[in-house]
Amino acid sequence: ILEPIECEIAYKSSLIEMIMTIDQIEFEPNQKSVL
């Protein structure tokens, strides 16, 4: 289990950070999106 997780972290740390950041964002359905 450790080896595949270690490989994922080694090669995809920025992707994992992105997933974590997106998971932390709480969107309210009534909030307006802007360009």
PDB file of all heavy atoms in Angstrom:
ATOM      1  N   ILE A   1       0.837  -1.203   0.000  1.00  0.00           N
ATOM      2  CA  ILE A   1       0.000   0.000   0.000  1.00  0.00           C
ATOM      3  C   ILE A   1       0.869   1.249   0.000  1.00  0.00           C
ATOM      4  O   ILE A   1       0.584   2.215  -0.702  1.00  0.00           O
ATOM      5  CB  ILE A   1      -0.946  -0.005   1.227  1.00  0.00           C
ATOM      6  CG1 ILE A   1      -1.976  -1.121   1.086  1.00  0.00           C
ATOM      7  CG2 ILE A   1      -1.624   1.340   1.405  1.00  0.00           C
ATOM      8  CD1 ILE A   1      -2.872  -1.268   2.295  1.00  0.00           C
ATOM      9  N   LEU A   2       1.932   1.228   0.795  1.00  0.00           N
ATOM     10  CA  LEU A   2       2.792   2.403   0.932  1.00  0.00           C
ATOM     11  C   LEU A   2       3.473   2.801  -0.376  1.00  0.00           C
ATOM     12  O   LEU A   2       3.537   3.991  -0.712  1.00  0.00           O
ATOM     13  CB  LEU A   2       3.849   2.167   2.015  1.00  0.00           C
ATOM     14  CG  LEU A   2       3.362   2.238   3.445  1.00  0.00           C
ATOM     15  CD1 LEU A   2       4.435   1.725   4.404  1.00  0.00           C
ATOM     16  CD2 LEU A   2       2.969   3.657   3.798  1.00  0.00           C
ATOM     17  N   GLU A   3       3.981   1.823  -1.118  1.00  0.00           N
ATOM     18  CA  GLU A   3       4.730   2.132  -2.342  1.00  0.00           C
ATOM     19  C   GLU A   3       3.892   2.869  -3.386  1.00  0.00           C
ATOM     20  O   GLU A   3       4.338   3.897  -3.902  1.00  0.00           O
ATOM     21  CB  GLU A   3       5.338   0.863  -2.925  1.00  0.00           C
ATOM     22  CG  GLU A   3       6.510   0.357  -2.134  1.00  0.00           C
ATOM     23  CD  GLU A   3       7.079  -0.954  -2.646  1.00  0.00           C
ATOM     24  OE1 GLU A   3       6.535  -1.511  -3.633  1.00  0.00           O
ATOM     25  OE2 GLU A   3       8.065  -1.431  -2.058  1.00  0.00           O
ATOM     26  N   PRO A   4       2.685   2.403  -3.716  1.00  0.00           N
ATOM     27  CA  PRO A   4       1.901   3.154  -4.711  1.00  0.00           C
ATOM     28  C   PRO A   4       1.504   4.555  -4.220  1.00  0.00           C
ATOM     29  O   PRO A   4       1.512   5.502  -5.006  1.00  0.00           O
ATOM     30  CB  PRO A   4       0.655   2.295  -4.935  1.00  0.00           C
ATOM     31  CG  PRO A   4       0.965   0.958  -4.393  1.00  0.00           C
ATOM     32  CD  PRO A   4       2.032   1.133  -3.382  1.00  0.00           C
ATOM     33  N   ILE A   5       1.197   4.681  -2.927  1.00  0.00           N
ATOM     34  CA  ILE A   5       0.851   6.009  -2.401  1.00  0.00           C
ATOM     35  C   ILE A   5       2.066   6.924  -2.480  1.00  0.00           C
ATOM     36  O   ILE A   5       1.952   8.092  -2.862  1.00  0.00           O
ATOM     37  CB  ILE A   5       0.323   5.913  -0.946  1.00  0.00           C
ATOM     38  CG1 ILE A   5      -0.993   5.149  -0.901  1.00  0.00           C
ATOM     39  CG2 ILE A   5       0.140   7.308  -0.348  1.00  0.00           C
ATOM     40  CD1 ILE A   5      -1.500   4.862   0.501  1.00  0.00           C
ATOM     41  N   GLU A   6       3.232   6.389  -2.133  1.00  0.00           N
ATOM     42  CA  GLU A   6       4.471   7.179  -2.206  1.00  0.00           C
ATOM     43  C   GLU A   6       4.731   7.653  -3.631  1.00  0.00           C
ATOM     44  O   GLU A   6       5.099   8.809  -3.854  1.00  0.00           O
ATOM     45  CB  GLU A   6       5.648   6.352  -1.691  1.00  0.00           C
ATOM     46  CG  GLU A   6       6.951   7.112  -1.665  1.00  0.00           C
ATOM     47  CD  GLU A   6       8.102   6.291  -1.106  1.00  0.00           C
ATOM     48  OE1 GLU A   6       7.873   5.222  -0.525  1.00  0.00           O
ATOM     49  OE2 GLU A   6       9.254   6.750  -1.259  1.00  0.00           O
ATOM     50  N   CYS A   7       4.516   6.782  -4.602  1.00  0.00           N
ATOM     51  CA  CYS A   7       4.710   7.169  -6.014  1.00  0.00           C
ATOM     52  C   CYS A   7       3.725   8.257  -6.425  1.00  0.00           C
ATOM     53  O   CYS A   7       4.102   9.217  -7.109  1.00  0.00           O
ATOM     54  CB  CYS A   7       4.562   5.961  -6.925  1.00  0.00           C
ATOM     55  SG  CYS A   7       5.933   4.814  -6.823  1.00  0.00           S
ATOM     56  N   GLU A   8       2.484   8.110  -6.012  1.00  0.00           N
ATOM     57  CA  GLU A   8       1.479   9.128  -6.346  1.00  0.00           C
ATOM     58  C   GLU A   8       1.866  10.479  -5.751  1.00  0.00           C
ATOM     59  O   GLU A   8       1.759  11.504  -6.412  1.00  0.00           O
ATOM     60  CB  GLU A   8       0.089   8.714  -5.848  1.00  0.00           C
ATOM     61  CG  GLU A   8      -0.526   7.579  -6.616  1.00  0.00           C
ATOM     62  CD  GLU A   8      -0.798   7.903  -8.070  1.00  0.00           C
ATOM     63  OE1 GLU A   8      -1.483   8.886  -8.354  1.00  0.00           O
ATOM     64  OE2 GLU A   8      -0.319   7.155  -8.933  1.00  0.00           O
ATOM     65  N   ILE A   9       2.317  10.488  -4.508  1.00  0.00           N
ATOM     66  CA  ILE A   9       2.715  11.749  -3.866  1.00  0.00           C
ATOM     67  C   ILE A   9       3.949  12.319  -4.551  1.00  0.00           C
ATOM     68  O   ILE A   9       4.025  13.522  -4.807  1.00  0.00           O
ATOM     69  CB  ILE A   9       2.951  11.543  -2.355  1.00  0.00           C
ATOM     70  CG1 ILE A   9       1.619  11.249  -1.657  1.00  0.00           C
ATOM     71  CG2 ILE A   9       3.627  12.764  -1.735  1.00  0.00           C
ATOM     72  CD1 ILE A   9       1.741  10.853  -0.206  1.00  0.00           C
ATOM     73  N   ALA A  10       4.913  11.479  -4.878  1.00  0.00           N
ATOM     74  CA  ALA A  10       6.151  11.946  -5.503  1.00  0.00           C
ATOM     75  C   ALA A  10       5.891  12.595  -6.862  1.00  0.00           C
ATOM     76  O   ALA A  10       6.475  13.632  -7.180  1.00  0.00           O
ATOM     77  CB  ALA A  10       7.135  10.793  -5.651  1.00  0.00           C
ATOM     78  N   TYR A  11       5.017  11.990  -7.651  1.00  0.00           N
ATOM     79  CA  TYR A  11       4.814  12.467  -9.013  1.00  0.00           C
ATOM     80  C   TYR A  11       3.610  13.384  -9.184  1.00  0.00           C
ATOM     81  O   TYR A  11       3.490  14.052 -10.205  1.00  0.00           O
ATOM     82  CB  TYR A  11       4.692  11.282  -9.978  1.00  0.00           C
ATOM     83  CG  TYR A  11       5.983  10.514 -10.072  1.00  0.00           C
ATOM     84  CD1 TYR A  11       6.093   9.253  -9.505  1.00  0.00           C
ATOM     85  CD2 TYR A  11       7.100  11.059 -10.693  1.00  0.00           C
ATOM     86  CE1 TYR A  11       7.287   8.544  -9.563  1.00  0.00           C
ATOM     87  CE2 TYR A  11       8.294  10.371 -10.756  1.00  0.00           C
ATOM     88  CZ  TYR A  11       8.378   9.114 -10.188  1.00  0.00           C
ATOM     89  OH  TYR A  11       9.561   8.429 -10.244  1.00  0.00           O
ATOM     90  N   LYS A  12       2.725  13.406  -8.205  1.00  0.00           N
ATOM     91  CA  LYS A  12       1.487  14.177  -8.378  1.00  0.00           C
ATOM     92  C   LYS A  12       1.190  15.084  -7.184  1.00  0.00           C
ATOM     93  O   LYS A  12       0.038  15.358  -6.887  1.00  0.00           O
ATOM     94  CB  LYS A  12       0.308  13.231  -8.597  1.00  0.00           C
ATOM     95  CG  LYS A  12       0.447  12.388  -9.852  1.00  0.00           C
ATOM     96  CD  LYS A  12      -0.702  11.433 -10.002  1.00  0.00           C
ATOM     97  CE  LYS A  12      -0.490  10.543 -11.220  1.00  0.00           C
ATOM     98  NZ  LYS A  12      -1.486   9.483 -11.296  1.00  0.00           N
ATOM     99  N   SER A  13       2.221  15.580  -6.509  1.00  0.00           N
ATOM    100  CA  SER A  13       1.975  16.400  -5.320  1.00  0.00           C
ATOM    101  C   SER A  13       1.201  17.671  -5.661  1.00  0.00           C
ATOM    102  O   SER A  13       0.310  18.068  -4.906  1.00  0.00           O
ATOM    103  CB  SER A  13       3.282  16.745  -4.610  1.00  0.00           C
ATOM    104  OG  SER A  13       4.133  17.492  -5.452  1.00  0.00           O
ATOM    105  N   SER A  14       1.495  18.285  -6.792  1.00  0.00           N
ATOM    106  CA  SER A  14       0.757  19.508  -7.154  1.00  0.00           C
ATOM    107  C   SER A  14      -0.699  19.171  -7.496  1.00  0.00           C
ATOM    108  O   SER A  14      -1.609  19.940  -7.172  1.00  0.00           O
ATOM    109  CB  SER A  14       1.425  20.246  -8.314  1.00  0.00           C
ATOM    110  OG  SER A  14       1.545  19.406  -9.432  1.00  0.00           O
ATOM    111  N   LEU A  15      -0.943  18.036  -8.110  1.00  0.00           N
ATOM    112  CA  LEU A  15      -2.307  17.603  -8.399  1.00  0.00           C
ATOM    113  C   LEU A  15      -3.067  17.342  -7.094  1.00  0.00           C
ATOM    114  O   LEU A  15      -4.218  17.741  -6.947  1.00  0.00           O
ATOM    115  CB  LEU A  15      -2.303  16.340  -9.258  1.00  0.00           C
ATOM    116  CG  LEU A  15      -3.666  15.713  -9.553  1.00  0.00           C
ATOM    117  CD1 LEU A  15      -4.434  16.584 -10.531  1.00  0.00           C
ATOM    118  CD2 LEU A  15      -3.499  14.313 -10.102  1.00  0.00           C
ATOM    119  N   ILE A  16      -2.397  16.718  -6.138  1.00  0.00           N
ATOM    120  CA  ILE A  16      -3.023  16.448  -4.839  1.00  0.00           C
ATOM    121  C   ILE A  16      -3.347  17.761  -4.130  1.00  0.00           C
ATOM    122  O   ILE A  16      -4.428  17.922  -3.571  1.00  0.00           O
ATOM    123  CB  ILE A  16      -2.122  15.542  -3.974  1.00  0.00           C
ATOM    124  CG1 ILE A  16      -1.964  14.174  -4.638  1.00  0.00           C
ATOM    125  CG2 ILE A  16      -2.676  15.408  -2.561  1.00  0.00           C
ATOM    126  CD1 ILE A  16      -0.866  13.309  -4.049  1.00  0.00           C
ATOM    127  N   GLU A  17      -2.423  18.721  -4.182  1.00  0.00           N
ATOM    128  CA  GLU A  17      -2.686  20.034  -3.581  1.00  0.00           C
ATOM    129  C   GLU A  17      -3.883  20.698  -4.246  1.00  0.00           C
ATOM    130  O   GLU A  17      -4.707  21.326  -3.574  1.00  0.00           O
ATOM    131  CB  GLU A  17      -1.459  20.929  -3.691  1.00  0.00           C
ATOM    132  CG  GLU A  17      -0.356  20.557  -2.739  1.00  0.00           C
ATOM    133  CD  GLU A  17       0.850  21.468  -2.852  1.00  0.00           C
ATOM    134  OE1 GLU A  17       0.693  22.637  -3.273  1.00  0.00           O
ATOM    135  OE2 GLU A  17       1.949  21.015  -2.503  1.00  0.00           O
ATOM    136  N   MET A  18      -3.984  20.567  -5.566  1.00  0.00           N
ATOM    137  CA  MET A  18      -5.117  21.141  -6.282  1.00  0.00           C
ATOM    138  C   MET A  18      -6.427  20.488  -5.838  1.00  0.00           C
ATOM    139  O   MET A  18      -7.407  21.178  -5.574  1.00  0.00           O
ATOM    140  CB  MET A  18      -4.944  20.961  -7.791  1.00  0.00           C
ATOM    141  CG  MET A  18      -6.098  21.517  -8.603  1.00  0.00           C
ATOM    142  SD  MET A  18      -6.108  20.967 -10.305  1.00  0.00           S
ATOM    143  CE  MET A  18      -6.515  19.244 -10.118  1.00  0.00           C
ATOM    144  N   ILE A  19      -6.433  19.168  -5.723  1.00  0.00           N
ATOM    145  CA  ILE A  19      -7.634  18.451  -5.287  1.00  0.00           C
ATOM    146  C   ILE A  19      -8.020  18.903  -3.884  1.00  0.00           C
ATOM    147  O   ILE A  19      -9.192  19.160  -3.600  1.00  0.00           O
ATOM    148  CB  ILE A  19      -7.408  16.919  -5.334  1.00  0.00           C
ATOM    149  CG1 ILE A  19      -7.308  16.449  -6.786  1.00  0.00           C
ATOM    150  CG2 ILE A  19      -8.525  16.180  -4.607  1.00  0.00           C
ATOM    151  CD1 ILE A  19      -6.829  15.014  -6.950  1.00  0.00           C
ATOM    152  N   MET A  20      -7.030  19.031  -3.009  1.00  0.00           N
ATOM    153  CA  MET A  20      -7.298  19.464  -1.634  1.00  0.00           C
ATOM    154  C   MET A  20      -7.849  20.891  -1.604  1.00  0.00           C
ATOM    155  O   MET A  20      -8.777  21.180  -0.858  1.00  0.00           O
ATOM    156  CB  MET A  20      -6.020  19.389  -0.800  1.00  0.00           C
ATOM    157  CG  MET A  20      -5.404  18.023  -0.738  1.00  0.00           C
ATOM    158  SD  MET A  20      -6.191  16.963   0.412  1.00  0.00           S
ATOM    159  CE  MET A  20      -5.730  17.749   1.906  1.00  0.00           C
ATOM    160  N   THR A  21      -7.299  21.763  -2.417  1.00  0.00           N
ATOM    161  CA  THR A  21      -7.767  23.155  -2.459  1.00  0.00           C
ATOM    162  C   THR A  21      -9.198  23.219  -2.964  1.00  0.00           C
ATOM    163  O   THR A  21     -10.039  23.908  -2.380  1.00  0.00           O
ATOM    164  CB  THR A  21      -6.852  24.004  -3.361  1.00  0.00           C
ATOM    165  OG1 THR A  21      -5.519  23.927  -2.856  1.00  0.00           O
ATOM    166  CG2 THR A  21      -7.307  25.451  -3.391  1.00  0.00           C
ATOM    167  N   ILE A  22      -9.486  22.501  -4.020  1.00  0.00           N
ATOM    168  CA  ILE A  22     -10.840  22.508  -4.578  1.00  0.00           C
ATOM    169  C   ILE A  22     -11.827  21.923  -3.573  1.00  0.00           C
ATOM    170  O   ILE A  22     -12.932  22.430  -3.419  1.00  0.00           O
ATOM    171  CB  ILE A  22     -10.882  21.745  -5.921  1.00  0.00           C
ATOM    172  CG1 ILE A  22     -10.145  22.559  -6.985  1.00  0.00           C
ATOM    173  CG2 ILE A  22     -12.317  21.472  -6.348  1.00  0.00           C
ATOM    174  CD1 ILE A  22      -9.933  21.848  -8.289  1.00  0.00           C
ATOM    175  N   ASP A  23     -11.429  20.871  -2.845  1.00  0.00           N
ATOM    176  CA  ASP A  23     -12.310  20.278  -1.834  1.00  0.00           C
ATOM    177  C   ASP A  23     -12.610  21.241  -0.690  1.00  0.00           C
ATOM    178  O   ASP A  23     -13.653  21.153  -0.061  1.00  0.00           O
ATOM    179  CB  ASP A  23     -11.705  18.998  -1.263  1.00  0.00           C
ATOM    180  CG  ASP A  23     -11.904  17.797  -2.170  1.00  0.00           C
ATOM    181  OD1 ASP A  23     -12.651  17.927  -3.165  1.00  0.00           O
ATOM    182  OD2 ASP A  23     -11.307  16.744  -1.888  1.00  0.00           O
ATOM    183  N   GLN A  24     -11.687  22.158  -0.413  1.00  0.00           N
ATOM    184  CA  GLN A  24     -11.877  23.091   0.692  1.00  0.00           C
ATOM    185  C   GLN A  24     -12.764  24.276   0.317  1.00  0.00           C
ATOM    186  O   GLN A  24     -13.303  24.944   1.191  1.00  0.00           O
ATOM    187  CB  GLN A  24     -10.538  23.620   1.192  1.00  0.00           C
ATOM    188  CG  GLN A  24      -9.736  22.555   1.890  1.00  0.00           C
ATOM    189  CD  GLN A  24      -8.350  23.037   2.264  1.00  0.00           C
ATOM    190  OE1 GLN A  24      -7.969  24.158   1.980  1.00  0.00           O
ATOM    191  NE2 GLN A  24      -7.581  22.162   2.895  1.00  0.00           N
ATOM    192  N   ILE A  25     -12.901  24.541  -0.967  1.00  0.00           N
ATOM    193  CA  ILE A  25     -13.726  25.662  -1.408  1.00  0.00           C
ATOM    194  C   ILE A  25     -15.185  25.291  -1.246  1.00  0.00           C
ATOM    195  O   ILE A  25     -15.641  24.273  -1.743  1.00  0.00           O
ATOM    196  CB  ILE A  25     -13.434  26.018  -2.882  1.00  0.00           C
ATOM    197  CG1 ILE A  25     -11.980  26.440  -3.056  1.00  0.00           C
ATOM    198  CG2 ILE A  25     -14.378  27.119  -3.355  1.00  0.00           C
ATOM    199  CD1 ILE A  25     -11.572  26.614  -4.499  1.00  0.00           C
ATOM    200  N   GLU A  26     -15.896  26.100  -0.531  1.00  0.00           N
ATOM    201  CA  GLU A  26     -17.318  25.864  -0.348  1.00  0.00           C
ATOM    202  C   GLU A  26     -18.075  26.873  -1.213  1.00  0.00           C
ATOM    203  O   GLU A  26     -18.026  28.068  -0.964  1.00  0.00           O
ATOM    204  CB  GLU A  26     -17.708  26.020   1.121  1.00  0.00           C
ATOM    205  CG  GLU A  26     -17.107  24.954   1.995  1.00  0.00           C
ATOM    206  CD  GLU A  26     -17.548  25.084   3.435  1.00  0.00           C
ATOM    207  OE1 GLU A  26     -18.591  25.717   3.699  1.00  0.00           O
ATOM    208  OE2 GLU A  26     -16.827  24.559   4.288  1.00  0.00           O
ATOM    209  N   PHE A  27     -18.723  26.358  -2.218  1.00  0.00           N
ATOM    210  CA  PHE A  27     -19.496  27.215  -3.101  1.00  0.00           C
ATOM    211  C   PHE A  27     -20.937  27.262  -2.637  1.00  0.00           C
ATOM    212  O   PHE A  27     -21.531  26.236  -2.347  1.00  0.00           O
ATOM    213  CB  PHE A  27     -19.448  26.701  -4.549  1.00  0.00           C
ATOM    214  CG  PHE A  27     -18.090  26.820  -5.163  1.00  0.00           C
ATOM    215  CD1 PHE A  27     -17.304  25.705  -5.349  1.00  0.00           C
ATOM    216  CD2 PHE A  27     -17.605  28.055  -5.558  1.00  0.00           C
ATOM    217  CE1 PHE A  27     -16.053  25.804  -5.914  1.00  0.00           C
ATOM    218  CE2 PHE A  27     -16.354  28.161  -6.134  1.00  0.00           C
ATOM    219  CZ  PHE A  27     -15.582  27.043  -6.309  1.00  0.00           C
ATOM    220  N   GLU A  28     -21.460  28.448  -2.561  1.00  0.00           N
ATOM    221  CA  GLU A  28     -22.874  28.592  -2.252  1.00  0.00           C
ATOM    222  C   GLU A  28     -23.606  28.678  -3.579  1.00  0.00           C
ATOM    223  O   GLU A  28     -23.173  29.368  -4.496  1.00  0.00           O
ATOM    224  CB  GLU A  28     -23.103  29.833  -1.412  1.00  0.00           C
ATOM    225  CG  GLU A  28     -22.405  29.730  -0.074  1.00  0.00           C
ATOM    226  CD  GLU A  28     -23.014  30.648   0.956  1.00  0.00           C
ATOM    227  OE1 GLU A  28     -24.137  31.134   0.741  1.00  0.00           O
ATOM    228  OE2 GLU A  28     -22.344  30.863   1.970  1.00  0.00           O
ATOM    229  N   PRO A  29     -24.746  28.003  -3.702  1.00  0.00           N
ATOM    230  CA  PRO A  29     -25.441  27.952  -4.977  1.00  0.00           C
ATOM    231  C   PRO A  29     -25.897  29.322  -5.474  1.00  0.00           C
ATOM    232  O   PRO A  29     -26.033  29.524  -6.657  1.00  0.00           O
ATOM    233  CB  PRO A  29     -26.632  27.033  -4.721  1.00  0.00           C
ATOM    234  CG  PRO A  29     -26.754  26.927  -3.247  1.00  0.00           C
ATOM    235  CD  PRO A  29     -25.421  27.251  -2.668  1.00  0.00           C
ATOM    236  N   ASN A  30     -26.096  30.268  -4.578  1.00  0.00           N
ATOM    237  CA  ASN A  30     -26.580  31.587  -4.981  1.00  0.00           C
ATOM    238  C   ASN A  30     -25.453  32.563  -5.298  1.00  0.00           C
ATOM    239  O   ASN A  30     -25.711  33.692  -5.674  1.00  0.00           O
ATOM    240  CB  ASN A  30     -27.485  32.179  -3.892  1.00  0.00           C
ATOM    241  CG  ASN A  30     -28.714  31.325  -3.653  1.00  0.00           C
ATOM    242  OD1 ASN A  30     -29.159  30.609  -4.550  1.00  0.00           O
ATOM    243  ND2 ASN A  30     -29.247  31.367  -2.449  1.00  0.00           N
ATOM    244  N   GLN A  31     -24.205  32.148  -5.105  1.00  0.00           N
ATOM    245  CA  GLN A  31     -23.095  33.040  -5.387  1.00  0.00           C
ATOM    246  C   GLN A  31     -22.901  33.193  -6.893  1.00  0.00           C
ATOM    247  O   GLN A  31     -23.010  32.236  -7.645  1.00  0.00           O
ATOM    248  CB  GLN A  31     -21.796  32.516  -4.761  1.00  0.00           C
ATOM    249  CG  GLN A  31     -21.713  32.725  -3.288  1.00  0.00           C
ATOM    250  CD  GLN A  31     -21.636  34.193  -2.908  1.00  0.00           C
ATOM    251  OE1 GLN A  31     -21.052  35.010  -3.613  1.00  0.00           O
ATOM    252  NE2 GLN A  31     -22.264  34.527  -1.790  1.00  0.00           N
ATOM    253  N   LYS A  32     -22.574  34.375  -7.267  1.00  0.00           N
ATOM    254  CA  LYS A  32     -22.409  34.711  -8.682  1.00  0.00           C
ATOM    255  C   LYS A  32     -20.976  34.407  -9.128  1.00  0.00           C
ATOM    256  O   LYS A  32     -20.025  34.709  -8.422  1.00  0.00           O
ATOM    257  CB  LYS A  32     -22.726  36.191  -8.869  1.00  0.00           C
ATOM    258  CG  LYS A  32     -22.666  36.658 -10.287  1.00  0.00           C
ATOM    259  CD  LYS A  32     -23.009  38.139 -10.367  1.00  0.00           C
ATOM    260  CE  LYS A  32     -22.852  38.636 -11.784  1.00  0.00           C
ATOM    261  NZ  LYS A  32     -23.033  40.074 -11.855  1.00  0.00           N
ATOM    262  N   SER A  33     -20.859  33.806 -10.304  1.00  0.00           N
ATOM    263  CA  SER A  33     -19.549  33.596 -10.904  1.00  0.00           C
ATOM    264  C   SER A  33     -19.262  34.745 -11.854  1.00  0.00           C
ATOM    265  O   SER A  33     -20.164  35.288 -12.492  1.00  0.00           O
ATOM    266  CB  SER A  33     -19.510  32.277 -11.673  1.00  0.00           C
ATOM    267  OG  SER A  33     -19.620  31.199 -10.791  1.00  0.00           O
ATOM    268  N   VAL A  34     -17.996  35.136 -11.912  1.00  0.00           N
ATOM    269  CA  VAL A  34     -17.596  36.244 -12.785  1.00  0.00           C
ATOM    270  C   VAL A  34     -16.442  35.788 -13.667  1.00  0.00           C
ATOM    271  O   VAL A  34     -15.708  34.863 -13.334  1.00  0.00           O
ATOM    272  CB  VAL A  34     -17.176  37.498 -11.974  1.00  0.00           C
ATOM    273  CG1 VAL A  34     -18.335  38.068 -11.201  1.00  0.00           C
ATOM    274  CG2 VAL A  34     -16.010  37.199 -11.058  1.00  0.00           C
ATOM    275  N   LEU A  35     -16.280  36.482 -14.774  1.00  0.00           N
ATOM    276  CA  LEU A  35     -15.162  36.237 -15.671  1.00  0.00           C
ATOM    277  C   LEU A  35     -14.008  37.107 -15.198  1.00  0.00           C
ATOM    278  O   LEU A  35     -14.161  38.322 -15.044  1.00  0.00           O
ATOM    279  CB  LEU A  35     -15.551  36.581 -17.109  1.00  0.00           C
ATOM    280  CG  LEU A  35     -14.547  36.185 -18.183  1.00  0.00           C
ATOM    281  CD1 LEU A  35     -14.354  34.669 -18.195  1.00  0.00           C
ATOM    282  CD2 LEU A  35     -15.013  36.647 -19.539  1.00  0.00           C
TER     283      LEU A  35
END
